[in-house]
């Protein structure tokens, strides 16, 4: 399996978009996760949280594990 190295290419090929509003902020998150780090991401609705776990999962062929927002409300 070929592993992608460009997050924008993954957005286009897998998700059908190259739109990346807020790309600088999410890019840093994606880079950290692809490098093997952990991330806790708190972004407002519509800011692209899903791409912060979906793109690294596609790029590294590993699973991403998002936690539901209500975990923080305990």
Protein backbone atom coordinates (compact mmCIF):
# COMPACT_ATOMS: atom_id res chain seq x y z
CA UNK A 1 0.00 0.00 0.00
CA UNK A 2 1.32 3.41 -0.99
CA UNK A 3 1.38 5.87 1.89
CA UNK A 4 0.52 9.49 1.04
CA UNK A 5 2.90 12.25 2.08
CA UNK A 6 0.93 15.40 1.20
CA UNK A 7 -2.11 16.26 3.34
CA UNK A 8 -3.71 18.36 0.57
CA UNK A 9 -3.32 15.45 -1.86
CA UNK A 10 -5.13 13.22 0.65
CA UNK A 11 -7.95 15.77 0.95
CA UNK A 12 -8.35 15.75 -2.84
CA UNK A 13 -7.95 12.05 -3.53
CA UNK A 14 -9.87 10.62 -0.58
CA UNK A 15 -12.28 13.34 0.44
CA UNK A 16 -12.82 15.08 -2.91
CA UNK A 17 -11.79 18.55 -1.82
CA UNK A 18 -8.65 20.66 -1.74
CA UNK A 19 -10.31 23.34 0.36
CA UNK A 20 -8.28 23.82 3.47
CA UNK A 21 -9.53 26.79 5.45
CA UNK A 22 -7.59 27.00 8.69
CA UNK A 23 -4.94 24.85 7.05
CA UNK A 24 -2.05 26.36 9.01
CA UNK A 25 -3.53 25.42 12.37
CA UNK A 26 -4.70 21.98 11.25
CA UNK A 27 -1.48 21.42 9.32
CA UNK A 28 0.54 21.62 12.53
CA UNK A 29 -1.82 19.12 14.17
CA UNK A 30 -1.66 16.73 11.20
CA UNK A 31 2.15 16.94 11.10
CA UNK A 32 2.42 16.18 14.82
CA UNK A 33 0.13 13.16 14.58
CA UNK A 34 1.81 11.81 11.42
CA UNK A 35 5.16 12.09 13.24
CA UNK A 36 3.77 9.74 15.91
CA UNK A 37 2.68 12.28 18.49
CA UNK A 38 -0.59 12.55 20.37
CA UNK A 39 -2.91 15.53 20.08
CA UNK A 40 -5.84 16.93 21.97
CA UNK A 41 -7.70 19.16 19.51
CA UNK A 42 -10.31 21.68 20.62
CA UNK A 43 -11.71 23.59 17.66
CA UNK A 44 -15.10 25.20 17.06
CA UNK A 45 -17.79 23.57 14.94
CA UNK A 46 -16.85 23.59 11.27
CA UNK A 47 -13.16 24.22 11.86
CA UNK A 48 -12.01 20.86 10.52
CA UNK A 49 -11.55 18.63 13.54
CA UNK A 50 -12.41 15.55 11.50
CA UNK A 51 -9.53 16.12 9.13
CA UNK A 52 -7.17 16.23 12.12
CA UNK A 53 -7.69 12.50 12.65
CA UNK A 54 -8.85 11.31 9.22
CA UNK A 55 -5.97 12.70 7.15
CA UNK A 56 -3.20 11.28 9.39
CA UNK A 57 -4.98 7.90 9.43
CA UNK A 58 -4.95 7.82 5.63
CA UNK A 59 -1.37 9.13 5.40
CA UNK A 60 0.05 6.55 7.80
CA UNK A 61 -2.34 3.64 7.22
CA UNK A 62 -3.00 3.59 10.99
CA UNK A 63 -6.24 4.04 12.86
CA UNK A 64 -7.24 7.35 14.36
CA UNK A 65 -9.24 7.38 17.59
CA UNK A 66 -11.32 10.51 18.09
CA UNK A 67 -12.99 11.06 21.43
CA UNK A 68 -16.49 12.49 21.66
CA UNK A 69 -16.82 16.09 22.83
CA UNK A 70 -18.88 15.10 25.84
CA UNK A 71 -15.87 13.40 27.44
CA UNK A 72 -14.69 16.86 28.42
CA UNK A 73 -17.96 17.61 30.22
CA UNK A 74 -17.56 15.07 32.99
